[in-house]
Structures are given as structure tokens and as C-alpha cells.
Amino acid sequence: MAVKKQSDKKIRASRVDAMSLAYDKASEVIHSLTEGLEAFDGIRDTVSKLEEYQTSGLWMQDFEADEAGALPEGTRRSVLSEDGLYDLLRDYDALLRRLGG
């Protein structure tokens, strides 16, 4: 009978350990996703500004000015990547659809 109790104890401990690992993983992912969703919700106005910038013609003017060397050294140019802004806005829209918003 002592062998059975020992075996049951090991099985239970193994199960609890496995479920604790699953819990820890799920908890971490849910926490990270919650933080990410809160940040995502907070960029709606920022994305709207980027969409307006892209469609207003100002993006093209700034891109051409950069190509002509008219922007000062040290100016951030990440938004002027030829496909970067388009891809960012597309990814944003895809996430909105995925989230049902």
C-alpha cells in the first residue's frame, strides 16, 4: 500500500508541476497581450496622423526633398522608407480586422 501512495504522490506532483508550467506560460502571455492591446488602443490618433500624412501629398514632398538632400543631417527618416509607412498602415489595419475593430 505504501508503494501505491508513493506512486500516487509522484503522479500528482508531476501533474501539478506540468499544470503550473502551463499556468505560468498562459499568465505571461495574457499579461503581455493585455499590455500590448492597451498600447495599441493608445496609438489610434497617431496612426490617423500617419494616414493623413501619407494621403495628403506631404509624404511624397518630404520623400522627394530627402532624395534631393534637402533635409538636414540628423533628421529621423524612418517614415520616409519607400514601403515602410504603407506596410505599417497595412499591418495596423490587419490587426484591427483580426481584433474585430
PDB file of N, CA and C in Angstrom:
ATOM      1  N   MET A   1       0.811  -1.190   0.000  1.00  0.00           N
ATOM      2  CA  MET A   1       0.000   0.000   0.000  1.00  0.00           C
ATOM      3  C   MET A   1       0.867   1.271   0.000  1.00  0.00           C
ATOM      4  N   ALA A   2       2.003   1.233   0.691  1.00  0.00           N
ATOM      5  CA  ALA A   2       2.898   2.387   0.742  1.00  0.00           C
ATOM      6  C   ALA A   2       3.450   2.702  -0.636  1.00  0.00           C
ATOM      7  N   VAL A   3       3.664   1.673  -1.456  1.00  0.00           N
ATOM      8  CA  VAL A   3       4.172   1.885  -2.817  1.00  0.00           C
ATOM      9  C   VAL A   3       3.128   2.626  -3.651  1.00  0.00           C
ATOM     10  N   LYS A   4       1.867   2.253  -3.495  1.00  0.00           N
ATOM     11  CA  LYS A   4       0.776   2.907  -4.236  1.00  0.00           C
ATOM     12  C   LYS A   4       0.688   4.390  -3.852  1.00  0.00           C
ATOM     13  N   LYS A   5       0.761   4.683  -2.541  1.00  0.00           N
ATOM     14  CA  LYS A   5       0.701   6.073  -2.095  1.00  0.00           C
ATOM     15  C   LYS A   5       1.879   6.876  -2.644  1.00  0.00           C
ATOM     16  N   GLN A   6       3.051   6.263  -2.681  1.00  0.00           N
ATOM     17  CA  GLN A   6       4.248   6.906  -3.210  1.00  0.00           C
ATOM     18  C   GLN A   6       4.050   7.194  -4.698  1.00  0.00           C
ATOM     19  N   SER A   7       3.509   6.228  -5.419  1.00  0.00           N
ATOM     20  CA  SER A   7       3.262   6.380  -6.848  1.00  0.00           C
ATOM     21  C   SER A   7       2.224   7.475  -7.101  1.00  0.00           C
ATOM     22  N   ASP A   8       1.138   7.464  -6.324  1.00  0.00           N
ATOM     23  CA  ASP A   8       0.106   8.493  -6.457  1.00  0.00           C
ATOM     24  C   ASP A   8       0.672   9.883  -6.186  1.00  0.00           C
ATOM     25  N   LYS A   9       1.536   9.961  -5.196  1.00  0.00           N
ATOM     26  CA  LYS A   9       2.155  11.233  -4.828  1.00  0.00           C
ATOM     27  C   LYS A   9       3.008  11.772  -5.986  1.00  0.00           C
ATOM     28  N   LYS A  10       3.784  10.889  -6.628  1.00  0.00           N
ATOM     29  CA  LYS A  10       4.641  11.290  -7.754  1.00  0.00           C
ATOM     30  C   LYS A  10       3.793  11.704  -8.955  1.00  0.00           C
ATOM     31  N   ILE A  11       2.736  10.956  -9.211  1.00  0.00           N
ATOM     32  CA  ILE A  11       1.850  11.294 -10.329  1.00  0.00           C
ATOM     33  C   ILE A  11       1.206  12.653 -10.090  1.00  0.00           C
ATOM     34  N   ARG A  12       0.723  12.854  -8.876  1.00  0.00           N
ATOM     35  CA  ARG A  12       0.082  14.142  -8.537  1.00  0.00           C
ATOM     36  C   ARG A  12       1.095  15.285  -8.640  1.00  0.00           C
ATOM     37  N   ALA A  13       2.279  15.086  -8.105  1.00  0.00           N
ATOM     38  CA  ALA A  13       3.311  16.122  -8.146  1.00  0.00           C
ATOM     39  C   ALA A  13       3.690  16.449  -9.589  1.00  0.00           C
ATOM     40  N   SER A  14       3.790  15.415 -10.410  1.00  0.00           N
ATOM     41  CA  SER A  14       4.118  15.620 -11.821  1.00  0.00           C
ATOM     42  C   SER A  14       3.014  16.407 -12.525  1.00  0.00           C
ATOM     43  N   ARG A  15       1.766  16.057 -12.235  1.00  0.00           N
ATOM     44  CA  ARG A  15       0.627  16.748 -12.834  1.00  0.00           C
ATOM     45  C   ARG A  15       0.586  18.215 -12.394  1.00  0.00           C
ATOM     46  N   VAL A  16       0.755  18.446 -11.104  1.00  0.00           N
ATOM     47  CA  VAL A  16       0.732  19.816 -10.588  1.00  0.00           C
ATOM     48  C   VAL A  16       1.874  20.632 -11.190  1.00  0.00           C
ATOM     49  N   ASP A  17       3.031  20.030 -11.323  1.00  0.00           N
ATOM     50  CA  ASP A  17       4.171  20.718 -11.922  1.00  0.00           C
ATOM     51  C   ASP A  17       3.874  21.091 -13.376  1.00  0.00           C
ATOM     52  N   ALA A  18       3.334  20.140 -14.137  1.00  0.00           N
ATOM     53  CA  ALA A  18       3.012  20.405 -15.544  1.00  0.00           C
ATOM     54  C   ALA A  18       1.940  21.490 -15.672  1.00  0.00           C
ATOM     55  N   MET A  19       0.925  21.426 -14.843  1.00  0.00           N
ATOM     56  CA  MET A  19      -0.139  22.429 -14.904  1.00  0.00           C
ATOM     57  C   MET A  19       0.356  23.794 -14.437  1.00  0.00           C
ATOM     58  N   SER A  20       1.297  23.805 -13.506  1.00  0.00           N
ATOM     59  CA  SER A  20       1.886  25.067 -13.064  1.00  0.00           C
ATOM     60  C   SER A  20       2.695  25.703 -14.189  1.00  0.00           C
ATOM     61  N   LEU A  21       3.415  24.891 -14.936  1.00  0.00           N
ATOM     62  CA  LEU A  21       4.152  25.417 -16.096  1.00  0.00           C
ATOM     63  C   LEU A  21       3.184  25.994 -17.126  1.00  0.00           C
ATOM     64  N   ALA A  22       2.088  25.277 -17.384  1.00  0.00           N
ATOM     65  CA  ALA A  22       1.074  25.764 -18.327  1.00  0.00           C
ATOM     66  C   ALA A  22       0.466  27.074 -17.828  1.00  0.00           C
ATOM     67  N   TYR A  23       0.164  27.138 -16.549  1.00  0.00           N
ATOM     68  CA  TYR A  23      -0.404  28.347 -15.944  1.00  0.00           C
ATOM     69  C   TYR A  23       0.560  29.526 -16.088  1.00  0.00           C
ATOM     70  N   ASP A  24       1.827  29.290 -15.759  1.00  0.00           N
ATOM     71  CA  ASP A  24       2.818  30.362 -15.828  1.00  0.00           C
ATOM     72  C   ASP A  24       2.947  30.898 -17.255  1.00  0.00           C
ATOM     73  N   LYS A  25       2.970  29.991 -18.235  1.00  0.00           N
ATOM     74  CA  LYS A  25       3.085  30.400 -19.634  1.00  0.00           C
ATOM     75  C   LYS A  25       1.857  31.206 -20.050  1.00  0.00           C
ATOM     76  N   ALA A  26       0.663  30.688 -19.749  1.00  0.00           N
ATOM     77  CA  ALA A  26      -0.567  31.386 -20.119  1.00  0.00           C
ATOM     78  C   ALA A  26      -0.646  32.745 -19.429  1.00  0.00           C
ATOM     79  N   SER A  27      -0.281  32.808 -18.173  1.00  0.00           N
ATOM     80  CA  SER A  27      -0.313  34.051 -17.420  1.00  0.00           C
ATOM     81  C   SER A  27       0.611  35.089 -18.043  1.00  0.00           C
ATOM     82  N   GLU A  28       1.802  34.681 -18.418  1.00  0.00           N
ATOM     83  CA  GLU A  28       2.770  35.595 -19.025  1.00  0.00           C
ATOM     84  C   GLU A  28       2.255  36.130 -20.362  1.00  0.00           C
ATOM     85  N   VAL A  29       1.727  35.248 -21.190  1.00  0.00           N
ATOM     86  CA  VAL A  29       1.224  35.667 -22.498  1.00  0.00           C
ATOM     87  C   VAL A  29       0.025  36.608 -22.349  1.00  0.00           C
ATOM     88  N   ILE A  30      -0.888  36.273 -21.463  1.00  0.00           N
ATOM     89  CA  ILE A  30      -2.071  37.117 -21.258  1.00  0.00           C
ATOM     90  C   ILE A  30      -1.666  38.490 -20.742  1.00  0.00           C
ATOM     91  N   HIS A  31      -0.718  38.532 -19.823  1.00  0.00           N
ATOM     92  CA  HIS A  31      -0.240  39.814 -19.294  1.00  0.00           C
ATOM     93  C   HIS A  31       0.399  40.649 -20.408  1.00  0.00           C
ATOM     94  N   SER A  32       1.262  40.015 -21.199  1.00  0.00           N
ATOM     95  CA  SER A  32       1.930  40.729 -22.291  1.00  0.00           C
ATOM     96  C   SER A  32       0.926  41.230 -23.321  1.00  0.00           C
ATOM     97  N   LEU A  33      -0.033  40.383 -23.654  1.00  0.00           N
ATOM     98  CA  LEU A  33      -1.039  40.768 -24.645  1.00  0.00           C
ATOM     99  C   LEU A  33      -1.902  41.919 -24.125  1.00  0.00           C
ATOM    100  N   THR A  34      -2.261  41.879 -22.871  1.00  0.00           N
ATOM    101  CA  THR A  34      -3.056  42.959 -22.282  1.00  0.00           C
ATOM    102  C   THR A  34      -2.305  44.276 -22.376  1.00  0.00           C
ATOM    103  N   GLU A  35      -1.037  44.274 -22.036  1.00  0.00           N
ATOM    104  CA  GLU A  35      -0.226  45.487 -22.141  1.00  0.00           C
ATOM    105  C   GLU A  35      -0.137  45.947 -23.592  1.00  0.00           C
ATOM    106  N   GLY A  36       0.057  44.988 -24.493  1.00  0.00           N
ATOM    107  CA  GLY A  36       0.145  45.323 -25.912  1.00  0.00           C
ATOM    108  C   GLY A  36      -1.149  45.903 -26.453  1.00  0.00           C
ATOM    109  N   LEU A  37      -2.272  45.354 -26.049  1.00  0.00           N
ATOM    110  CA  LEU A  37      -3.564  45.871 -26.502  1.00  0.00           C
ATOM    111  C   LEU A  37      -3.818  47.278 -25.979  1.00  0.00           C
ATOM    112  N   GLU A  38      -3.412  47.524 -24.742  1.00  0.00           N
ATOM    113  CA  GLU A  38      -3.556  48.865 -24.194  1.00  0.00           C
ATOM    114  C   GLU A  38      -2.706  49.867 -24.982  1.00  0.00           C
ATOM    115  N   ALA A  39      -1.501  49.478 -25.330  1.00  0.00           N
ATOM    116  CA  ALA A  39      -0.631  50.341 -26.130  1.00  0.00           C
ATOM    117  C   ALA A  39      -1.215  50.532 -27.531  1.00  0.00           C
ATOM    118  N   PHE A  40      -1.736  49.445 -28.102  1.00  0.00           N
ATOM    119  CA  PHE A  40      -2.337  49.503 -29.438  1.00  0.00           C
ATOM    120  C   PHE A  40      -3.523  50.462 -29.451  1.00  0.00           C
ATOM    121  N   ASP A  41      -4.362  50.386 -28.440  1.00  0.00           N
ATOM    122  CA  ASP A  41      -5.503  51.298 -28.346  1.00  0.00           C
ATOM    123  C   ASP A  41      -5.032  52.753 -28.259  1.00  0.00           C
ATOM    124  N   GLY A  42      -3.884  52.957 -27.662  1.00  0.00           N
ATOM    125  CA  GLY A  42      -3.368  54.305 -27.462  1.00  0.00           C
ATOM    126  C   GLY A  42      -2.746  54.950 -28.692  1.00  0.00           C
ATOM    127  N   ILE A  43      -2.602  54.202 -29.791  1.00  0.00           N
ATOM    128  CA  ILE A  43      -1.952  54.784 -30.976  1.00  0.00           C
ATOM    129  C   ILE A  43      -2.925  55.140 -32.093  1.00  0.00           C
ATOM    130  N   ARG A  44      -4.203  55.053 -31.839  1.00  0.00           N
ATOM    131  CA  ARG A  44      -5.188  55.347 -32.902  1.00  0.00           C
ATOM    132  C   ARG A  44      -4.995  56.740 -33.486  1.00  0.00           C
ATOM    133  N   ASP A  45      -4.825  57.751 -32.638  1.00  0.00           N
ATOM    134  CA  ASP A  45      -4.635  59.114 -33.139  1.00  0.00           C
ATOM    135  C   ASP A  45      -3.322  59.224 -33.916  1.00  0.00           C
ATOM    136  N   THR A  46      -2.310  58.559 -33.428  1.00  0.00           N
ATOM    137  CA  THR A  46      -1.010  58.574 -34.103  1.00  0.00           C
ATOM    138  C   THR A  46      -1.126  57.975 -35.498  1.00  0.00           C
ATOM    139  N   VAL A  47      -1.817  56.856 -35.602  1.00  0.00           N
ATOM    140  CA  VAL A  47      -1.988  56.203 -36.903  1.00  0.00           C
ATOM    141  C   VAL A  47      -2.825  57.073 -37.832  1.00  0.00           C
ATOM    142  N   SER A  48      -3.821  57.727 -37.291  1.00  0.00           N
ATOM    143  CA  SER A  48      -4.636  58.636 -38.110  1.00  0.00           C
ATOM    144  C   SER A  48      -3.774  59.759 -38.687  1.00  0.00           C
ATOM    145  N   LYS A  49      -2.871  60.292 -37.881  1.00  0.00           N
ATOM    146  CA  LYS A  49      -1.956  61.334 -38.357  1.00  0.00           C
ATOM    147  C   LYS A  49      -1.058  60.799 -39.474  1.00  0.00           C
ATOM    148  N   LEU A  50      -0.582  59.578 -39.312  1.00  0.00           N
ATOM    149  CA  LEU A  50       0.268  58.980 -40.344  1.00  0.00           C
ATOM    150  C   LEU A  50      -0.509  58.748 -41.638  1.00  0.00           C
ATOM    151  N   GLU A  51      -1.755  58.301 -41.516  1.00  0.00           N
ATOM    152  CA  GLU A  51      -2.587  58.103 -42.712  1.00  0.00           C
ATOM    153  C   GLU A  51      -2.807  59.425 -43.445  1.00  0.00           C
ATOM    154  N   GLU A  52      -3.098  60.459 -42.691  1.00  0.00           N
ATOM    155  CA  GLU A  52      -3.302  61.785 -43.285  1.00  0.00           C
ATOM    156  C   GLU A  52      -2.015  62.267 -43.961  1.00  0.00           C
ATOM    157  N   TYR A  53      -0.897  62.071 -43.309  1.00  0.00           N
ATOM    158  CA  TYR A  53       0.403  62.464 -43.856  1.00  0.00           C
ATOM    159  C   TYR A  53       0.661  61.754 -45.182  1.00  0.00           C
ATOM    160  N   GLN A  54       0.369  60.477 -45.210  1.00  0.00           N
ATOM    161  CA  GLN A  54       0.627  59.698 -46.431  1.00  0.00           C
ATOM    162  C   GLN A  54      -0.284  60.129 -47.576  1.00  0.00           C
ATOM    163  N   THR A  55      -1.548  60.346 -47.282  1.00  0.00           N
ATOM    164  CA  THR A  55      -2.508  60.621 -48.351  1.00  0.00           C
ATOM    165  C   THR A  55      -2.578  62.096 -48.753  1.00  0.00           C
ATOM    166  N   SER A  56      -2.020  62.984 -47.951  1.00  0.00           N
ATOM    167  CA  SER A  56      -2.119  64.419 -48.233  1.00  0.00           C
ATOM    168  C   SER A  56      -1.146  64.905 -49.300  1.00  0.00           C
ATOM    169  N   GLY A  57      -0.179  64.095 -49.639  1.00  0.00           N
ATOM    170  CA  GLY A  57       0.850  64.537 -50.577  1.00  0.00           C
ATOM    171  C   GLY A  57       2.096  65.044 -49.871  1.00  0.00           C
ATOM    172  N   LEU A  58       1.995  65.320 -48.578  1.00  0.00           N
ATOM    173  CA  LEU A  58       3.165  65.796 -47.840  1.00  0.00           C
ATOM    174  C   LEU A  58       4.242  64.724 -47.751  1.00  0.00           C
ATOM    175  N   TRP A  59       3.831  63.466 -47.620  1.00  0.00           N
ATOM    176  CA  TRP A  59       4.827  62.395 -47.554  1.00  0.00           C
ATOM    177  C   TRP A  59       5.673  62.403 -48.816  1.00  0.00           C
ATOM    178  N   MET A  60       5.024  62.492 -49.977  1.00  0.00           N
ATOM    179  CA  MET A  60       5.764  62.478 -51.247  1.00  0.00           C
ATOM    180  C   MET A  60       6.686  63.679 -51.348  1.00  0.00           C
ATOM    181  N   GLN A  61       6.209  64.838 -50.921  1.00  0.00           N
ATOM    182  CA  GLN A  61       7.058  66.035 -50.955  1.00  0.00           C
ATOM    183  C   GLN A  61       8.285  65.860 -50.066  1.00  0.00           C
ATOM    184  N   ASP A  62       8.070  65.314 -48.876  1.00  0.00           N
ATOM    185  CA  ASP A  62       9.188  65.104 -47.949  1.00  0.00           C
ATOM    186  C   ASP A  62      10.136  64.034 -48.474  1.00  0.00           C
ATOM    187  N   PHE A  63       9.598  63.005 -49.070  1.00  0.00           N
ATOM    188  CA  PHE A  63      10.427  61.946 -49.648  1.00  0.00           C
ATOM    189  C   PHE A  63      11.317  62.519 -50.749  1.00  0.00           C
ATOM    190  N   GLU A  64      10.725  63.292 -51.634  1.00  0.00           N
ATOM    191  CA  GLU A  64      11.492  63.894 -52.730  1.00  0.00           C
ATOM    192  C   GLU A  64      12.532  64.886 -52.209  1.00  0.00           C
ATOM    193  N   ALA A  65      12.178  65.616 -51.167  1.00  0.00           N
ATOM    194  CA  ALA A  65      13.143  66.549 -50.567  1.00  0.00           C
ATOM    195  C   ALA A  65      14.321  65.788 -49.975  1.00  0.00           C
ATOM    196  N   ASP A  66      14.040  64.671 -49.338  1.00  0.00           N
ATOM    197  CA  ASP A  66      15.111  63.852 -48.778  1.00  0.00           C
ATOM    198  C   ASP A  66      15.996  63.293 -49.875  1.00  0.00           C
ATOM    199  N   GLU A  67      15.379  62.827 -50.939  1.00  0.00           N
ATOM    200  CA  GLU A  67      16.149  62.290 -52.070  1.00  0.00           C
ATOM    201  C   GLU A  67      17.060  63.359 -52.680  1.00  0.00           C
ATOM    202  N   ALA A  68      16.616  64.609 -52.639  1.00  0.00           N
ATOM    203  CA  ALA A  68      17.389  65.721 -53.187  1.00  0.00           C
ATOM    204  C   ALA A  68      18.410  66.264 -52.187  1.00  0.00           C
ATOM    205  N   GLY A  69      18.466  65.688 -50.997  1.00  0.00           N
ATOM    206  CA  GLY A  69      19.421  66.129 -49.991  1.00  0.00           C
ATOM    207  C   GLY A  69      19.002  67.387 -49.258  1.00  0.00           C
ATOM    208  N   ALA A  70      17.712  67.688 -49.261  1.00  0.00           N
ATOM    209  CA  ALA A  70      17.227  68.940 -48.679  1.00  0.00           C
ATOM    210  C   ALA A  70      16.894  68.848 -47.194  1.00  0.00           C
ATOM    211  N   LEU A  71      17.018  67.671 -46.609  1.00  0.00           N
ATOM    212  CA  LEU A  71      16.767  67.547 -45.168  1.00  0.00           C
ATOM    213  C   LEU A  71      18.089  67.604 -44.417  1.00  0.00           C
ATOM    214  N   PRO A  72      18.112  68.274 -43.281  1.00  0.00           N
ATOM    215  CA  PRO A  72      19.355  68.388 -42.522  1.00  0.00           C
ATOM    216  C   PRO A  72      19.832  67.031 -41.993  1.00  0.00           C
ATOM    217  N   GLU A  73      21.134  66.932 -41.852  1.00  0.00           N
ATOM    218  CA  GLU A  73      21.717  65.727 -41.269  1.00  0.00           C
ATOM    219  C   GLU A  73      21.166  65.557 -39.856  1.00  0.00           C
ATOM    220  N   GLY A  74      20.917  64.328 -39.478  1.00  0.00           N
ATOM    221  CA  GLY A  74      20.399  64.041 -38.155  1.00  0.00           C
ATOM    222  C   GLY A  74      18.890  63.958 -38.103  1.00  0.00           C
ATOM    223  N   THR A  75      18.206  64.304 -39.211  1.00  0.00           N
ATOM    224  CA  THR A  75      16.745  64.201 -39.255  1.00  0.00           C
ATOM    225  C   THR A  75      16.343  62.733 -39.279  1.00  0.00           C
ATOM    226  N   ARG A  76      15.406  62.366 -38.437  1.00  0.00           N
ATOM    227  CA  ARG A  76      14.881  60.996 -38.475  1.00  0.00           C
ATOM    228  C   ARG A  76      14.172  60.791 -39.807  1.00  0.00           C
ATOM    229  N   ARG A  77      14.433  59.648 -40.439  1.00  0.00           N
ATOM    230  CA  ARG A  77      13.859  59.397 -41.750  1.00  0.00           C
ATOM    231  C   ARG A  77      13.056  58.089 -41.820  1.00  0.00           C
ATOM    232  N   SER A  78      12.767  57.496 -40.701  1.00  0.00           N
ATOM    233  CA  SER A  78      12.106  56.186 -40.718  1.00  0.00           C
ATOM    234  C   SER A  78      10.781  56.221 -41.473  1.00  0.00           C
ATOM    235  N   VAL A  79      10.071  57.324 -41.402  1.00  0.00           N
ATOM    236  CA  VAL A  79       8.774  57.438 -42.071  1.00  0.00           C
ATOM    237  C   VAL A  79       8.928  57.556 -43.592  1.00  0.00           C
ATOM    238  N   LEU A  80      10.131  57.877 -44.049  1.00  0.00           N
ATOM    239  CA  LEU A  80      10.348  58.062 -45.483  1.00  0.00           C
ATOM    240  C   LEU A  80      10.778  56.792 -46.212  1.00  0.00           C
ATOM    241  N   SER A  81      10.863  55.711 -45.496  1.00  0.00           N
ATOM    242  CA  SER A  81      11.141  54.434 -46.156  1.00  0.00           C
ATOM    243  C   SER A  81      10.066  54.220 -47.217  1.00  0.00           C
ATOM    244  N   GLU A  82      10.458  53.824 -48.412  1.00  0.00           N
ATOM    245  CA  GLU A  82       9.500  53.746 -49.519  1.00  0.00           C
ATOM    246  C   GLU A  82       8.293  52.868 -49.206  1.00  0.00           C
ATOM    247  N   ASP A  83       8.512  51.724 -48.594  1.00  0.00           N
ATOM    248  CA  ASP A  83       7.390  50.834 -48.289  1.00  0.00           C
ATOM    249  C   ASP A  83       7.038  50.815 -46.809  1.00  0.00           C
ATOM    250  N   GLY A  84       7.866  51.407 -45.977  1.00  0.00           N
ATOM    251  CA  GLY A  84       7.687  51.307 -44.537  1.00  0.00           C
ATOM    252  C   GLY A  84       6.357  51.827 -44.031  1.00  0.00           C
ATOM    253  N   LEU A  85       5.983  53.037 -44.417  1.00  0.00           N
ATOM    254  CA  LEU A  85       4.736  53.622 -43.925  1.00  0.00           C
ATOM    255  C   LEU A  85       3.532  52.849 -44.466  1.00  0.00           C
ATOM    256  N   TYR A  86       3.570  52.524 -45.739  1.00  0.00           N
ATOM    257  CA  TYR A  86       2.480  51.743 -46.333  1.00  0.00           C
ATOM    258  C   TYR A  86       2.317  50.413 -45.592  1.00  0.00           C
ATOM    259  N   ASP A  87       3.429  49.724 -45.367  1.00  0.00           N
ATOM    260  CA  ASP A  87       3.381  48.424 -44.683  1.00  0.00           C
ATOM    261  C   ASP A  87       2.884  48.570 -43.243  1.00  0.00           C
ATOM    262  N   LEU A  88       3.313  49.615 -42.565  1.00  0.00           N
ATOM    263  CA  LEU A  88       2.875  49.856 -41.189  1.00  0.00           C
ATOM    264  C   LEU A  88       1.362  50.056 -41.126  1.00  0.00           C
ATOM    265  N   LEU A  89       0.846  50.877 -42.022  1.00  0.00           N
ATOM    266  CA  LEU A  89      -0.596  51.145 -42.041  1.00  0.00           C
ATOM    267  C   LEU A  89      -1.384  49.894 -42.427  1.00  0.00           C
ATOM    268  N   ARG A  90      -0.846  49.115 -43.338  1.00  0.00           N
ATOM    269  CA  ARG A  90      -1.493  47.860 -43.726  1.00  0.00           C
ATOM    270  C   ARG A  90      -1.513  46.893 -42.545  1.00  0.00           C
ATOM    271  N   ASP A  91      -0.391  46.804 -41.829  1.00  0.00           N
ATOM    272  CA  ASP A  91      -0.316  45.924 -40.662  1.00  0.00           C
ATOM    273  C   ASP A  91      -1.290  46.379 -39.570  1.00  0.00           C
ATOM    274  N   TYR A  92      -1.408  47.678 -39.389  1.00  0.00           N
ATOM    275  CA  TYR A  92      -2.350  48.220 -38.405  1.00  0.00           C
ATOM    276  C   TYR A  92      -3.777  47.810 -38.766  1.00  0.00           C
ATOM    277  N   ASP A  93      -4.133  47.996 -40.031  1.00  0.00           N
ATOM    278  CA  ASP A  93      -5.481  47.619 -40.478  1.00  0.00           C
ATOM    279  C   ASP A  93      -5.722  46.124 -40.314  1.00  0.00           C
ATOM    280  N   ALA A  94      -4.716  45.316 -40.607  1.00  0.00           N
ATOM    281  CA  ALA A  94      -4.854  43.864 -40.454  1.00  0.00           C
ATOM    282  C   ALA A  94      -5.079  43.494 -38.986  1.00  0.00           C
ATOM    283  N   LEU A  95      -4.365  44.146 -38.086  1.00  0.00           N
ATOM    284  CA  LEU A  95      -4.568  43.891 -36.664  1.00  0.00           C
ATOM    285  C   LEU A  95      -5.961  44.317 -36.206  1.00  0.00           C
ATOM    286  N   LEU A  96      -6.420  45.462 -36.706  1.00  0.00           N
ATOM    287  CA  LEU A  96      -7.769  45.897 -36.364  1.00  0.00           C
ATOM    288  C   LEU A  96      -8.805  44.855 -36.792  1.00  0.00           C
ATOM    289  N   ARG A  97      -8.657  44.365 -38.026  1.00  0.00           N
ATOM    290  CA  ARG A  97      -9.591  43.334 -38.501  1.00  0.00           C
ATOM    291  C   ARG A  97      -9.509  42.075 -37.654  1.00  0.00           C
ATOM    292  N   ARG A  98      -8.304  41.694 -37.318  1.00  0.00           N
ATOM    293  CA  ARG A  98      -8.109  40.483 -36.520  1.00  0.00           C
ATOM    294  C   ARG A  98      -8.744  40.630 -35.126  1.00  0.00           C
ATOM    295  N   LEU A  99      -8.683  41.823 -34.589  1.00  0.00           N
ATOM    296  CA  LEU A  99      -9.243  42.095 -33.268  1.00  0.00           C
ATOM    297  C   LEU A  99     -10.733  42.421 -33.321  1.00  0.00           C
ATOM    298  N   GLY A 100     -11.260  42.506 -34.531  1.00  0.00           N
ATOM    299  CA  GLY A 100     -12.679  42.785 -34.691  1.00  0.00           C
ATOM    300  C   GLY A 100     -13.042  44.241 -34.526  1.00  0.00           C
ATOM    301  N   GLY A 101     -12.056  45.114 -34.704  1.00  0.00           N
ATOM    302  CA  GLY A 101     -12.335  46.537 -34.505  1.00  0.00           C
ATOM    303  C   GLY A 101     -12.169  47.296 -35.740  1.00  0.00           C
TER     304      GLY A 101
END
